[in-house]
N, C-alpha and C. Protein backbone atom coordinates (compact mmCIF):
# COMPACT_ATOMS: atom_id res chain seq x y z
N MET A 1 0.82 -1.21 0.00
CA MET A 1 0.00 0.00 0.00
C MET A 1 0.86 1.26 0.00
N LYS A 2 1.97 1.22 0.69
CA LYS A 2 2.87 2.36 0.78
C LYS A 2 3.32 2.81 -0.61
N ASN A 3 3.57 1.84 -1.49
CA ASN A 3 4.07 2.16 -2.82
C ASN A 3 3.09 2.98 -3.65
N LEU A 4 1.79 2.85 -3.37
CA LEU A 4 0.79 3.62 -4.11
C LEU A 4 0.92 5.12 -3.84
N PHE A 5 1.50 5.47 -2.70
CA PHE A 5 1.71 6.88 -2.37
C PHE A 5 3.11 7.35 -2.77
N THR A 6 4.10 6.53 -2.47
CA THR A 6 5.48 6.95 -2.75
C THR A 6 5.83 6.95 -4.23
N ILE A 7 5.03 6.27 -5.06
CA ILE A 7 5.32 6.28 -6.50
C ILE A 7 5.21 7.70 -7.05
N PHE A 8 4.43 8.56 -6.37
CA PHE A 8 4.26 9.94 -6.81
C PHE A 8 5.27 10.89 -6.18
N THR A 9 5.88 10.49 -5.08
CA THR A 9 6.82 11.37 -4.39
C THR A 9 8.27 10.94 -4.56
N SER A 10 8.51 9.64 -4.60
CA SER A 10 9.87 9.13 -4.76
C SER A 10 9.83 7.87 -5.64
N PRO A 11 9.61 8.07 -6.94
CA PRO A 11 9.43 6.93 -7.84
C PRO A 11 10.62 5.98 -7.92
N ARG A 12 11.84 6.52 -7.92
CA ARG A 12 13.00 5.64 -8.04
C ARG A 12 13.09 4.68 -6.84
N GLU A 13 12.92 5.22 -5.65
CA GLU A 13 12.96 4.39 -4.46
C GLU A 13 11.83 3.36 -4.46
N THR A 14 10.67 3.77 -4.96
CA THR A 14 9.54 2.84 -5.03
C THR A 14 9.83 1.68 -5.98
N PHE A 15 10.37 2.00 -7.14
CA PHE A 15 10.70 0.94 -8.09
C PHE A 15 11.82 0.04 -7.57
N GLU A 16 12.72 0.62 -6.82
CA GLU A 16 13.78 -0.20 -6.20
C GLU A 16 13.17 -1.22 -5.24
N ARG A 17 12.16 -0.78 -4.47
CA ARG A 17 11.51 -1.67 -3.51
C ARG A 17 10.73 -2.78 -4.22
N THR A 18 10.15 -2.45 -5.36
CA THR A 18 9.31 -3.44 -6.05
C THR A 18 10.12 -4.34 -6.99
N ARG A 19 11.41 -4.10 -7.07
CA ARG A 19 12.24 -4.84 -8.03
C ARG A 19 12.20 -6.34 -7.79
N GLU A 20 12.17 -6.75 -6.55
CA GLU A 20 12.17 -8.18 -6.22
C GLU A 20 10.79 -8.69 -5.79
N ASN A 21 9.78 -7.85 -5.95
CA ASN A 21 8.42 -8.23 -5.57
C ASN A 21 7.62 -8.55 -6.83
N LYS A 22 7.37 -9.84 -7.06
CA LYS A 22 6.69 -10.26 -8.28
C LYS A 22 5.20 -9.92 -8.29
N LEU A 23 4.65 -9.56 -7.15
CA LEU A 23 3.22 -9.27 -7.07
C LEU A 23 2.92 -7.79 -6.83
N ALA A 24 3.94 -6.95 -6.96
CA ALA A 24 3.75 -5.52 -6.68
C ALA A 24 2.78 -4.86 -7.65
N TRP A 25 2.57 -5.44 -8.82
CA TRP A 25 1.69 -4.86 -9.84
C TRP A 25 0.21 -5.00 -9.48
N ILE A 26 -0.13 -5.88 -8.56
CA ILE A 26 -1.54 -6.18 -8.30
C ILE A 26 -2.31 -4.96 -7.75
N LEU A 27 -1.78 -4.31 -6.71
CA LEU A 27 -2.48 -3.17 -6.11
C LEU A 27 -2.67 -2.01 -7.08
N PRO A 28 -1.61 -1.56 -7.78
CA PRO A 28 -1.84 -0.46 -8.74
C PRO A 28 -2.79 -0.85 -9.87
N THR A 29 -2.79 -2.12 -10.24
CA THR A 29 -3.71 -2.57 -11.29
C THR A 29 -5.15 -2.52 -10.80
N ILE A 30 -5.37 -2.97 -9.56
CA ILE A 30 -6.72 -2.89 -8.99
C ILE A 30 -7.18 -1.44 -8.89
N LEU A 31 -6.27 -0.56 -8.45
CA LEU A 31 -6.61 0.86 -8.35
C LEU A 31 -6.94 1.44 -9.72
N ALA A 32 -6.14 1.07 -10.73
CA ALA A 32 -6.37 1.56 -12.09
C ALA A 32 -7.72 1.08 -12.61
N LEU A 33 -8.09 -0.15 -12.31
CA LEU A 33 -9.38 -0.69 -12.76
C LEU A 33 -10.54 0.04 -12.08
N ILE A 34 -10.38 0.31 -10.79
CA ILE A 34 -11.43 1.03 -10.05
C ILE A 34 -11.61 2.44 -10.60
N LEU A 35 -10.49 3.15 -10.78
CA LEU A 35 -10.56 4.51 -11.32
C LEU A 35 -11.10 4.51 -12.74
N GLY A 36 -10.73 3.49 -13.51
CA GLY A 36 -11.23 3.39 -14.88
C GLY A 36 -12.73 3.19 -14.92
N VAL A 37 -13.24 2.34 -14.05
CA VAL A 37 -14.69 2.10 -14.00
C VAL A 37 -15.43 3.37 -13.57
N VAL A 38 -14.87 4.08 -12.59
CA VAL A 38 -15.48 5.34 -12.16
C VAL A 38 -15.50 6.35 -13.30
N THR A 39 -14.39 6.41 -14.04
CA THR A 39 -14.31 7.33 -15.18
C THR A 39 -15.38 7.02 -16.22
N ILE A 40 -15.54 5.73 -16.53
CA ILE A 40 -16.56 5.33 -17.50
C ILE A 40 -17.96 5.67 -16.99
N ALA A 41 -18.19 5.45 -15.70
CA ALA A 41 -19.50 5.74 -15.12
C ALA A 41 -19.84 7.23 -15.26
N LEU A 42 -18.85 8.10 -15.05
CA LEU A 42 -19.07 9.53 -15.15
C LEU A 42 -19.35 9.98 -16.58
N GLN A 43 -18.70 9.34 -17.54
CA GLN A 43 -18.87 9.77 -18.92
C GLN A 43 -19.93 8.98 -19.68
N MET A 44 -20.60 8.04 -18.99
CA MET A 44 -21.57 7.19 -19.67
C MET A 44 -22.66 7.96 -20.41
N PRO A 45 -23.26 9.03 -19.81
CA PRO A 45 -24.29 9.76 -20.56
C PRO A 45 -23.76 10.31 -21.88
N TYR A 46 -22.49 10.78 -21.89
CA TYR A 46 -21.90 11.31 -23.11
C TYR A 46 -21.64 10.19 -24.12
N LEU A 47 -21.18 9.04 -23.63
CA LEU A 47 -20.90 7.91 -24.51
C LEU A 47 -22.18 7.39 -25.16
N ILE A 48 -23.24 7.31 -24.38
CA ILE A 48 -24.51 6.82 -24.90
C ILE A 48 -25.05 7.76 -25.97
N GLU A 49 -24.99 9.06 -25.69
CA GLU A 49 -25.50 10.03 -26.67
C GLU A 49 -24.64 10.03 -27.93
N LEU A 50 -23.32 9.92 -27.77
CA LEU A 50 -22.43 9.87 -28.93
C LEU A 50 -22.72 8.63 -29.77
N SER A 51 -22.93 7.51 -29.11
CA SER A 51 -23.25 6.26 -29.80
C SER A 51 -24.57 6.39 -30.56
N ARG A 52 -25.56 7.00 -29.91
CA ARG A 52 -26.87 7.17 -30.54
C ARG A 52 -26.78 8.06 -31.78
N GLN A 53 -26.10 9.20 -31.65
CA GLN A 53 -25.99 10.13 -32.77
C GLN A 53 -25.19 9.53 -33.92
N THR A 54 -24.15 8.78 -33.60
CA THR A 54 -23.33 8.15 -34.65
C THR A 54 -24.15 7.16 -35.46
N MET A 55 -24.93 6.32 -34.78
CA MET A 55 -25.74 5.32 -35.48
C MET A 55 -26.87 5.96 -36.28
N LEU A 56 -27.44 7.04 -35.76
CA LEU A 56 -28.50 7.73 -36.49
C LEU A 56 -27.96 8.36 -37.77
N LYS A 57 -26.73 8.92 -37.69
CA LYS A 57 -26.12 9.53 -38.86
C LYS A 57 -25.72 8.49 -39.90
N THR A 58 -25.29 7.34 -39.41
CA THR A 58 -24.87 6.27 -40.31
C THR A 58 -26.05 5.75 -41.12
N GLY A 59 -27.20 5.64 -40.49
CA GLY A 59 -28.39 5.17 -41.18
C GLY A 59 -28.43 3.65 -41.27
N GLY A 60 -29.52 3.15 -41.83
CA GLY A 60 -29.66 1.71 -42.00
C GLY A 60 -30.32 1.01 -40.83
N LEU A 61 -30.55 1.75 -39.74
CA LEU A 61 -31.18 1.17 -38.56
C LEU A 61 -32.43 1.96 -38.20
N THR A 62 -33.42 1.25 -37.73
CA THR A 62 -34.63 1.91 -37.26
C THR A 62 -34.36 2.51 -35.89
N PRO A 63 -35.15 3.50 -35.47
CA PRO A 63 -34.96 4.07 -34.13
C PRO A 63 -34.99 3.01 -33.03
N GLU A 64 -35.82 1.99 -33.20
CA GLU A 64 -35.88 0.92 -32.20
C GLU A 64 -34.58 0.13 -32.15
N GLN A 65 -34.02 -0.15 -33.33
CA GLN A 65 -32.76 -0.88 -33.40
C GLN A 65 -31.61 -0.05 -32.83
N VAL A 66 -31.66 1.26 -33.07
CA VAL A 66 -30.63 2.15 -32.53
C VAL A 66 -30.65 2.11 -31.01
N GLU A 67 -31.84 2.23 -30.43
CA GLU A 67 -31.95 2.22 -28.98
C GLU A 67 -31.51 0.89 -28.38
N GLN A 68 -31.80 -0.20 -29.10
CA GLN A 68 -31.38 -1.52 -28.63
C GLN A 68 -29.86 -1.62 -28.64
N ALA A 69 -29.23 -1.09 -29.71
CA ALA A 69 -27.78 -1.12 -29.81
C ALA A 69 -27.14 -0.21 -28.77
N VAL A 70 -27.77 0.95 -28.53
CA VAL A 70 -27.25 1.89 -27.54
C VAL A 70 -27.26 1.25 -26.15
N GLY A 71 -28.22 0.37 -25.92
CA GLY A 71 -28.31 -0.30 -24.63
C GLY A 71 -27.08 -1.14 -24.32
N LEU A 72 -26.35 -1.55 -25.35
CA LEU A 72 -25.14 -2.35 -25.15
C LEU A 72 -23.91 -1.48 -24.87
N THR A 73 -24.05 -0.17 -25.06
CA THR A 73 -22.91 0.74 -24.88
C THR A 73 -22.32 0.64 -23.49
N SER A 74 -23.17 0.60 -22.48
CA SER A 74 -22.70 0.55 -21.10
C SER A 74 -21.87 -0.70 -20.84
N THR A 75 -22.42 -1.86 -21.20
CA THR A 75 -21.71 -3.12 -20.97
C THR A 75 -20.39 -3.16 -21.71
N MET A 76 -20.41 -2.75 -22.99
CA MET A 76 -19.20 -2.77 -23.81
C MET A 76 -18.15 -1.81 -23.27
N SER A 77 -18.58 -0.66 -22.76
CA SER A 77 -17.63 0.34 -22.25
C SER A 77 -16.90 -0.17 -21.02
N TYR A 78 -17.64 -0.78 -20.10
CA TYR A 78 -17.00 -1.31 -18.88
C TYR A 78 -16.08 -2.48 -19.22
N ALA A 79 -16.53 -3.35 -20.12
CA ALA A 79 -15.70 -4.49 -20.52
C ALA A 79 -14.42 -4.02 -21.20
N THR A 80 -14.55 -2.97 -22.01
CA THR A 80 -13.39 -2.45 -22.74
C THR A 80 -12.35 -1.85 -21.81
N ILE A 81 -12.80 -1.07 -20.81
CA ILE A 81 -11.84 -0.42 -19.92
C ILE A 81 -11.11 -1.46 -19.07
N ILE A 82 -11.81 -2.51 -18.66
CA ILE A 82 -11.18 -3.55 -17.84
C ILE A 82 -10.19 -4.36 -18.67
N ALA A 83 -10.66 -4.85 -19.82
CA ALA A 83 -9.79 -5.66 -20.69
C ALA A 83 -8.63 -4.82 -21.23
N GLY A 84 -8.93 -3.57 -21.61
CA GLY A 84 -7.90 -2.71 -22.17
C GLY A 84 -6.80 -2.39 -21.17
N THR A 85 -7.18 -2.13 -19.93
CA THR A 85 -6.19 -1.83 -18.89
C THR A 85 -5.26 -3.01 -18.66
N LEU A 86 -5.83 -4.19 -18.54
CA LEU A 86 -5.02 -5.40 -18.31
C LEU A 86 -4.13 -5.70 -19.50
N PHE A 87 -4.69 -5.57 -20.70
CA PHE A 87 -3.90 -5.84 -21.90
C PHE A 87 -2.73 -4.87 -22.01
N MET A 88 -3.01 -3.58 -21.76
CA MET A 88 -1.97 -2.57 -21.87
C MET A 88 -0.81 -2.85 -20.94
N ILE A 89 -1.09 -3.20 -19.70
CA ILE A 89 -0.04 -3.44 -18.71
C ILE A 89 0.86 -4.60 -19.13
N PHE A 90 0.26 -5.71 -19.52
CA PHE A 90 1.06 -6.89 -19.85
C PHE A 90 1.71 -6.78 -21.23
N PHE A 91 1.07 -6.06 -22.15
CA PHE A 91 1.66 -5.88 -23.48
C PHE A 91 2.84 -4.92 -23.43
N VAL A 92 2.68 -3.82 -22.69
CA VAL A 92 3.79 -2.87 -22.55
C VAL A 92 4.98 -3.55 -21.89
N ALA A 93 4.72 -4.43 -20.94
CA ALA A 93 5.80 -5.17 -20.29
C ALA A 93 6.58 -6.01 -21.31
N LEU A 94 5.87 -6.57 -22.29
CA LEU A 94 6.54 -7.32 -23.35
C LEU A 94 7.44 -6.40 -24.19
N LEU A 95 6.95 -5.21 -24.48
CA LEU A 95 7.76 -4.25 -25.24
C LEU A 95 9.01 -3.85 -24.45
N LEU A 96 8.87 -3.71 -23.15
CA LEU A 96 10.01 -3.35 -22.32
C LEU A 96 11.03 -4.49 -22.25
N ILE A 97 10.55 -5.72 -22.37
CA ILE A 97 11.47 -6.86 -22.42
C ILE A 97 12.32 -6.78 -23.68
N LEU A 98 11.70 -6.38 -24.80
CA LEU A 98 12.46 -6.21 -26.05
C LEU A 98 13.50 -5.11 -25.89
N LEU A 99 13.10 -4.00 -25.26
CA LEU A 99 14.06 -2.92 -25.02
C LEU A 99 15.17 -3.39 -24.11
N ASN A 100 14.82 -4.22 -23.14
CA ASN A 100 15.81 -4.78 -22.22
C ASN A 100 16.89 -5.56 -22.98
N LEU A 101 16.47 -6.29 -24.02
CA LEU A 101 17.42 -7.03 -24.84
C LEU A 101 18.30 -6.09 -25.65
N ILE A 102 17.69 -5.01 -26.15
CA ILE A 102 18.43 -4.06 -26.99
C ILE A 102 19.53 -3.36 -26.20
N VAL A 103 19.21 -2.92 -25.00
CA VAL A 103 20.19 -2.17 -24.20
C VAL A 103 20.98 -3.07 -23.26
N ARG A 104 20.72 -4.39 -23.37
CA ARG A 104 21.42 -5.37 -22.53
C ARG A 104 21.21 -5.09 -21.04
N GLY A 105 19.94 -4.91 -20.70
CA GLY A 105 19.60 -4.65 -19.31
C GLY A 105 19.47 -5.92 -18.50
N GLU A 106 19.13 -5.75 -17.22
CA GLU A 106 19.02 -6.87 -16.30
C GLU A 106 17.60 -7.11 -15.82
N GLY A 107 16.65 -6.48 -16.50
CA GLY A 107 15.26 -6.59 -16.07
C GLY A 107 14.61 -7.90 -16.44
N LYS A 108 13.52 -8.25 -15.71
CA LYS A 108 12.73 -9.44 -15.97
C LYS A 108 11.28 -9.03 -16.24
N TYR A 109 10.53 -9.96 -16.85
CA TYR A 109 9.18 -9.62 -17.31
C TYR A 109 8.29 -9.07 -16.19
N LEU A 110 8.19 -9.76 -15.06
CA LEU A 110 7.30 -9.30 -13.99
C LEU A 110 7.76 -7.97 -13.40
N GLN A 111 9.03 -7.67 -13.48
CA GLN A 111 9.51 -6.36 -13.03
C GLN A 111 8.95 -5.26 -13.94
N PHE A 112 8.88 -5.57 -15.22
CA PHE A 112 8.33 -4.59 -16.17
C PHE A 112 6.81 -4.51 -16.08
N VAL A 113 6.18 -5.59 -15.64
CA VAL A 113 4.74 -5.52 -15.36
C VAL A 113 4.51 -4.54 -14.21
N ASN A 114 5.38 -4.59 -13.20
CA ASN A 114 5.30 -3.62 -12.10
C ASN A 114 5.42 -2.20 -12.62
N VAL A 115 6.38 -1.98 -13.50
CA VAL A 115 6.61 -0.63 -14.06
C VAL A 115 5.37 -0.16 -14.80
N ALA A 116 4.83 -1.01 -15.68
CA ALA A 116 3.66 -0.62 -16.47
C ALA A 116 2.45 -0.33 -15.59
N ALA A 117 2.28 -1.12 -14.53
CA ALA A 117 1.13 -0.93 -13.64
C ALA A 117 1.20 0.40 -12.91
N TYR A 118 2.37 0.73 -12.39
CA TYR A 118 2.52 1.99 -11.65
C TYR A 118 2.55 3.20 -12.58
N ALA A 119 3.22 3.07 -13.72
CA ALA A 119 3.33 4.20 -14.64
C ALA A 119 2.00 4.52 -15.31
N ASN A 120 1.04 3.61 -15.25
CA ASN A 120 -0.26 3.83 -15.85
C ASN A 120 -1.15 4.72 -14.98
N LEU A 121 -0.83 4.82 -13.69
CA LEU A 121 -1.70 5.54 -12.76
C LEU A 121 -1.92 7.02 -13.09
N PRO A 122 -0.87 7.79 -13.45
CA PRO A 122 -1.12 9.20 -13.75
C PRO A 122 -2.12 9.42 -14.90
N SER A 123 -2.04 8.59 -15.94
CA SER A 123 -2.97 8.74 -17.06
C SER A 123 -4.41 8.46 -16.63
N ILE A 124 -4.59 7.44 -15.78
CA ILE A 124 -5.92 7.11 -15.29
C ILE A 124 -6.46 8.25 -14.43
N ILE A 125 -5.60 8.79 -13.57
CA ILE A 125 -6.01 9.91 -12.71
C ILE A 125 -6.35 11.13 -13.55
N GLY A 126 -5.55 11.39 -14.58
CA GLY A 126 -5.81 12.51 -15.47
C GLY A 126 -7.14 12.37 -16.20
N ALA A 127 -7.45 11.16 -16.66
CA ALA A 127 -8.73 10.91 -17.34
C ALA A 127 -9.90 11.13 -16.39
N LEU A 128 -9.74 10.66 -15.15
CA LEU A 128 -10.80 10.83 -14.15
C LEU A 128 -11.02 12.31 -13.85
N LEU A 129 -9.93 13.06 -13.71
CA LEU A 129 -10.04 14.49 -13.44
C LEU A 129 -10.72 15.22 -14.59
N THR A 130 -10.36 14.85 -15.81
CA THR A 130 -10.96 15.49 -16.98
C THR A 130 -12.46 15.25 -17.04
N ILE A 131 -12.86 13.99 -16.85
CA ILE A 131 -14.29 13.67 -16.90
C ILE A 131 -15.04 14.35 -15.76
N ALA A 132 -14.42 14.43 -14.59
CA ALA A 132 -15.05 15.12 -13.47
C ALA A 132 -15.30 16.59 -13.82
N LEU A 133 -14.35 17.22 -14.49
CA LEU A 133 -14.51 18.61 -14.91
C LEU A 133 -15.61 18.75 -15.96
N VAL A 134 -15.69 17.77 -16.85
CA VAL A 134 -16.75 17.78 -17.86
C VAL A 134 -18.12 17.76 -17.20
N VAL A 135 -18.26 16.91 -16.19
CA VAL A 135 -19.54 16.79 -15.49
C VAL A 135 -19.85 18.05 -14.69
N VAL A 136 -18.86 18.55 -13.94
CA VAL A 136 -19.06 19.73 -13.11
C VAL A 136 -19.41 20.96 -13.95
N MET A 137 -18.74 21.10 -15.09
CA MET A 137 -18.96 22.25 -15.97
C MET A 137 -20.14 22.05 -16.90
N ASP A 138 -20.77 20.88 -16.81
CA ASP A 138 -21.94 20.57 -17.64
C ASP A 138 -21.63 20.78 -19.12
N ALA A 139 -20.50 20.23 -19.54
CA ALA A 139 -20.08 20.38 -20.94
C ALA A 139 -21.00 19.58 -21.86
N ARG A 140 -21.05 20.00 -23.12
CA ARG A 140 -21.94 19.33 -24.06
C ARG A 140 -21.32 18.08 -24.66
N SER A 141 -19.98 18.01 -24.68
CA SER A 141 -19.31 16.83 -25.22
C SER A 141 -18.01 16.60 -24.45
N LEU A 142 -17.41 15.43 -24.67
CA LEU A 142 -16.19 15.06 -23.95
C LEU A 142 -14.99 15.89 -24.36
N THR A 143 -15.04 16.52 -25.53
CA THR A 143 -13.91 17.32 -26.00
C THR A 143 -13.99 18.79 -25.57
N ASP A 144 -15.08 19.16 -24.91
CA ASP A 144 -15.23 20.56 -24.50
C ASP A 144 -14.30 20.93 -23.36
N VAL A 145 -13.84 19.94 -22.60
CA VAL A 145 -12.94 20.19 -21.48
C VAL A 145 -11.70 19.32 -21.64
N THR A 146 -10.53 19.92 -21.55
CA THR A 146 -9.29 19.16 -21.64
C THR A 146 -8.23 19.83 -20.77
N ILE A 147 -7.34 19.02 -20.19
CA ILE A 147 -6.26 19.57 -19.38
C ILE A 147 -4.94 19.51 -20.14
N SER A 148 -5.03 19.33 -21.45
CA SER A 148 -3.86 19.31 -22.31
C SER A 148 -3.72 20.65 -23.02
N LEU A 149 -2.69 20.78 -23.85
CA LEU A 149 -2.54 22.01 -24.63
C LEU A 149 -3.62 22.15 -25.69
N GLY A 150 -4.40 21.10 -25.88
CA GLY A 150 -5.53 21.18 -26.80
C GLY A 150 -6.54 22.23 -26.38
N ALA A 151 -6.50 22.63 -25.11
CA ALA A 151 -7.41 23.66 -24.61
C ALA A 151 -7.17 25.00 -25.29
N LEU A 152 -5.98 25.18 -25.89
CA LEU A 152 -5.65 26.44 -26.56
C LEU A 152 -6.27 26.55 -27.95
N VAL A 153 -6.80 25.43 -28.45
CA VAL A 153 -7.35 25.39 -29.79
C VAL A 153 -8.88 25.46 -29.72
N GLN A 154 -9.46 26.36 -30.50
CA GLN A 154 -10.90 26.53 -30.47
C GLN A 154 -11.62 25.39 -31.20
N ASP A 155 -11.05 24.96 -32.33
CA ASP A 155 -11.64 23.87 -33.09
C ASP A 155 -11.25 22.53 -32.47
N LYS A 156 -12.19 21.87 -31.82
CA LYS A 156 -11.90 20.62 -31.12
C LYS A 156 -12.05 19.39 -32.02
N THR A 157 -12.18 19.61 -33.34
CA THR A 157 -12.35 18.49 -34.26
C THR A 157 -11.17 18.34 -35.22
N GLY A 158 -10.25 19.29 -35.19
CA GLY A 158 -9.17 19.30 -36.17
C GLY A 158 -7.92 18.56 -35.73
N MET A 159 -6.98 18.49 -36.66
CA MET A 159 -5.70 17.81 -36.42
C MET A 159 -4.88 18.50 -35.34
N MET A 160 -4.90 19.83 -35.33
CA MET A 160 -4.11 20.57 -34.35
C MET A 160 -4.55 20.24 -32.93
N PHE A 161 -5.85 20.12 -32.72
CA PHE A 161 -6.35 19.77 -31.40
C PHE A 161 -5.84 18.40 -30.97
N ARG A 162 -5.87 17.43 -31.88
CA ARG A 162 -5.43 16.08 -31.54
C ARG A 162 -3.93 16.04 -31.24
N VAL A 163 -3.16 16.83 -31.99
CA VAL A 163 -1.71 16.86 -31.76
C VAL A 163 -1.39 17.50 -30.41
N LEU A 164 -2.00 18.65 -30.14
CA LEU A 164 -1.74 19.35 -28.88
C LEU A 164 -2.28 18.58 -27.68
N SER A 165 -3.28 17.74 -27.91
CA SER A 165 -3.83 16.95 -26.81
C SER A 165 -2.83 15.93 -26.30
N LEU A 166 -1.80 15.65 -27.09
CA LEU A 166 -0.75 14.73 -26.65
C LEU A 166 0.07 15.32 -25.51
N ILE A 167 0.12 16.66 -25.47
CA ILE A 167 0.92 17.34 -24.45
C ILE A 167 0.05 17.57 -23.23
N ASN A 168 0.03 16.58 -22.38
CA ASN A 168 -0.83 16.55 -21.21
C ASN A 168 0.05 16.29 -19.98
N PRO A 169 -0.07 17.07 -18.93
CA PRO A 169 0.82 16.88 -17.77
C PRO A 169 0.77 15.48 -17.17
N PHE A 170 -0.40 14.85 -17.22
CA PHE A 170 -0.52 13.50 -16.66
C PHE A 170 0.12 12.46 -17.58
N THR A 171 0.04 12.70 -18.88
CA THR A 171 0.71 11.82 -19.83
C THR A 171 2.22 11.91 -19.68
N ILE A 172 2.72 13.13 -19.57
CA ILE A 172 4.16 13.34 -19.39
C ILE A 172 4.63 12.74 -18.07
N TRP A 173 3.82 12.87 -17.06
CA TRP A 173 4.11 12.29 -15.74
C TRP A 173 4.24 10.77 -15.85
N GLY A 174 3.29 10.15 -16.53
CA GLY A 174 3.35 8.70 -16.72
C GLY A 174 4.56 8.28 -17.52
N LEU A 175 4.90 9.06 -18.54
CA LEU A 175 6.07 8.77 -19.36
C LEU A 175 7.34 8.83 -18.51
N TYR A 176 7.40 9.80 -17.62
CA TYR A 176 8.54 9.91 -16.71
C TYR A 176 8.66 8.68 -15.82
N LEU A 177 7.52 8.19 -15.32
CA LEU A 177 7.54 7.00 -14.47
C LEU A 177 8.00 5.77 -15.27
N TYR A 178 7.58 5.69 -16.52
CA TYR A 178 8.05 4.59 -17.37
C TYR A 178 9.56 4.62 -17.50
N ILE A 179 10.10 5.80 -17.72
CA ILE A 179 11.54 5.94 -17.93
C ILE A 179 12.32 5.57 -16.66
N VAL A 180 11.91 6.16 -15.54
CA VAL A 180 12.59 5.90 -14.27
C VAL A 180 12.45 4.43 -13.87
N GLY A 181 11.24 3.90 -13.98
CA GLY A 181 11.02 2.51 -13.60
C GLY A 181 11.79 1.53 -14.48
N THR A 182 11.77 1.77 -15.78
CA THR A 182 12.48 0.88 -16.71
C THR A 182 13.99 0.93 -16.47
N ALA A 183 14.53 2.12 -16.30
CA ALA A 183 15.96 2.26 -16.04
C ALA A 183 16.35 1.57 -14.74
N THR A 184 15.48 1.66 -13.74
CA THR A 184 15.75 1.03 -12.44
C THR A 184 15.78 -0.49 -12.58
N MET A 185 14.80 -1.05 -13.26
CA MET A 185 14.74 -2.50 -13.42
C MET A 185 15.89 -3.03 -14.29
N MET A 186 16.25 -2.25 -15.29
CA MET A 186 17.31 -2.68 -16.20
C MET A 186 18.70 -2.42 -15.65
N LYS A 187 18.77 -1.53 -14.65
CA LYS A 187 20.06 -1.07 -14.12
C LYS A 187 20.90 -0.45 -15.24
N ARG A 188 20.25 0.44 -15.96
CA ARG A 188 20.89 1.15 -17.06
C ARG A 188 20.66 2.65 -16.88
N PRO A 189 21.52 3.51 -17.47
CA PRO A 189 21.37 4.96 -17.32
C PRO A 189 20.00 5.45 -17.79
N VAL A 190 19.45 6.39 -17.04
CA VAL A 190 18.14 6.93 -17.37
C VAL A 190 18.12 7.54 -18.77
N LYS A 191 19.15 8.28 -19.14
CA LYS A 191 19.19 8.93 -20.45
C LYS A 191 19.14 7.92 -21.58
N LYS A 192 19.84 6.81 -21.41
CA LYS A 192 19.87 5.79 -22.46
C LYS A 192 18.50 5.17 -22.66
N VAL A 193 17.81 4.92 -21.56
CA VAL A 193 16.48 4.35 -21.62
C VAL A 193 15.47 5.37 -22.13
N ALA A 194 15.62 6.62 -21.71
CA ALA A 194 14.67 7.68 -22.08
C ALA A 194 14.61 7.88 -23.59
N VAL A 195 15.74 7.83 -24.26
CA VAL A 195 15.77 8.03 -25.71
C VAL A 195 14.85 7.04 -26.42
N TRP A 196 14.93 5.78 -26.02
CA TRP A 196 14.12 4.74 -26.65
C TRP A 196 12.64 4.89 -26.31
N ILE A 197 12.33 5.10 -25.05
CA ILE A 197 10.93 5.18 -24.64
C ILE A 197 10.24 6.40 -25.23
N VAL A 198 10.89 7.54 -25.21
CA VAL A 198 10.30 8.75 -25.78
C VAL A 198 10.10 8.60 -27.29
N ALA A 199 11.06 8.00 -27.96
CA ALA A 199 10.96 7.80 -29.41
C ALA A 199 9.76 6.91 -29.75
N VAL A 200 9.61 5.81 -29.04
CA VAL A 200 8.49 4.90 -29.29
C VAL A 200 7.17 5.59 -28.97
N TRP A 201 7.14 6.35 -27.88
CA TRP A 201 5.91 7.07 -27.51
C TRP A 201 5.52 8.08 -28.59
N LEU A 202 6.49 8.81 -29.11
CA LEU A 202 6.19 9.79 -30.16
C LEU A 202 5.66 9.12 -31.42
N ILE A 203 6.30 8.04 -31.82
CA ILE A 203 5.85 7.32 -33.01
C ILE A 203 4.43 6.80 -32.83
N TYR A 204 4.20 6.15 -31.70
CA TYR A 204 2.87 5.59 -31.42
C TYR A 204 1.81 6.70 -31.36
N SER A 205 2.14 7.80 -30.70
CA SER A 205 1.18 8.90 -30.52
C SER A 205 0.78 9.51 -31.85
N PHE A 206 1.76 9.76 -32.71
CA PHE A 206 1.43 10.41 -33.97
C PHE A 206 0.75 9.46 -34.95
N ILE A 207 1.05 8.16 -34.85
CA ILE A 207 0.30 7.20 -35.66
C ILE A 207 -1.16 7.18 -35.22
N THR A 208 -1.36 7.25 -33.90
CA THR A 208 -2.72 7.27 -33.36
C THR A 208 -3.47 8.52 -33.82
N VAL A 209 -2.79 9.66 -33.78
CA VAL A 209 -3.40 10.92 -34.20
C VAL A 209 -3.80 10.87 -35.68
N LEU A 210 -2.91 10.36 -36.51
CA LEU A 210 -3.15 10.31 -37.94
C LEU A 210 -4.23 9.30 -38.31
N SER A 211 -4.41 8.28 -37.47
CA SER A 211 -5.38 7.22 -37.79
C SER A 211 -6.80 7.60 -37.39
N VAL A 212 -6.93 8.67 -36.61
CA VAL A 212 -8.28 9.11 -36.19
C VAL A 212 -8.86 10.02 -37.26
N PRO A 213 -9.97 9.63 -37.87
CA PRO A 213 -10.56 10.46 -38.93
C PRO A 213 -11.11 11.77 -38.39
N ALA A 214 -11.02 12.80 -39.18
CA ALA A 214 -11.56 14.09 -38.78
C ALA A 214 -13.07 14.02 -38.68
N ILE A 215 -13.60 14.68 -37.69
CA ILE A 215 -15.05 14.65 -37.47
C ILE A 215 -15.74 15.66 -38.40
């Protein structure tokens, strides 16, 4: 339990403590799942309305069929956040194992699972905070409120908004934890590890941005 607090104040020391603990990933994963479910619950009205409008615009379905399909949105959203969180943690750990081979580190798979589980927390907290602001401010859509640099752009449907949305303090915070945690497990210099992780993050982020069709 202590690690859930110290990961935000002294990440290197926290990762050092979890280096030999094969089960350290369990608590942060449970916390991430809880926060993820809460986040989905808060944004559910927006997700349902977005799903309804999308299907109505697409056409081919009667209003009754649309409402029936919309009814599945809640179940699918909760299942997606749970499965997605677990998949992300264990898949990212696999990627870190590959990096471990490249830089000739000393890390092991479950150590990188620990890193992925803890480094995921800032992004989950950031998403929860954003949705909470959306609800409090009674925004009309999920893009009306953002804590990224995307807030500087008036057009929330364009490419510039999606690019600037990548620059988010919680995302950068999580990236920092990935770097520190990975370097600690590998017993390699932080700068050497940072170059690889930042490069992969940039490539992945911009591919994601380019793959999202303009609204």
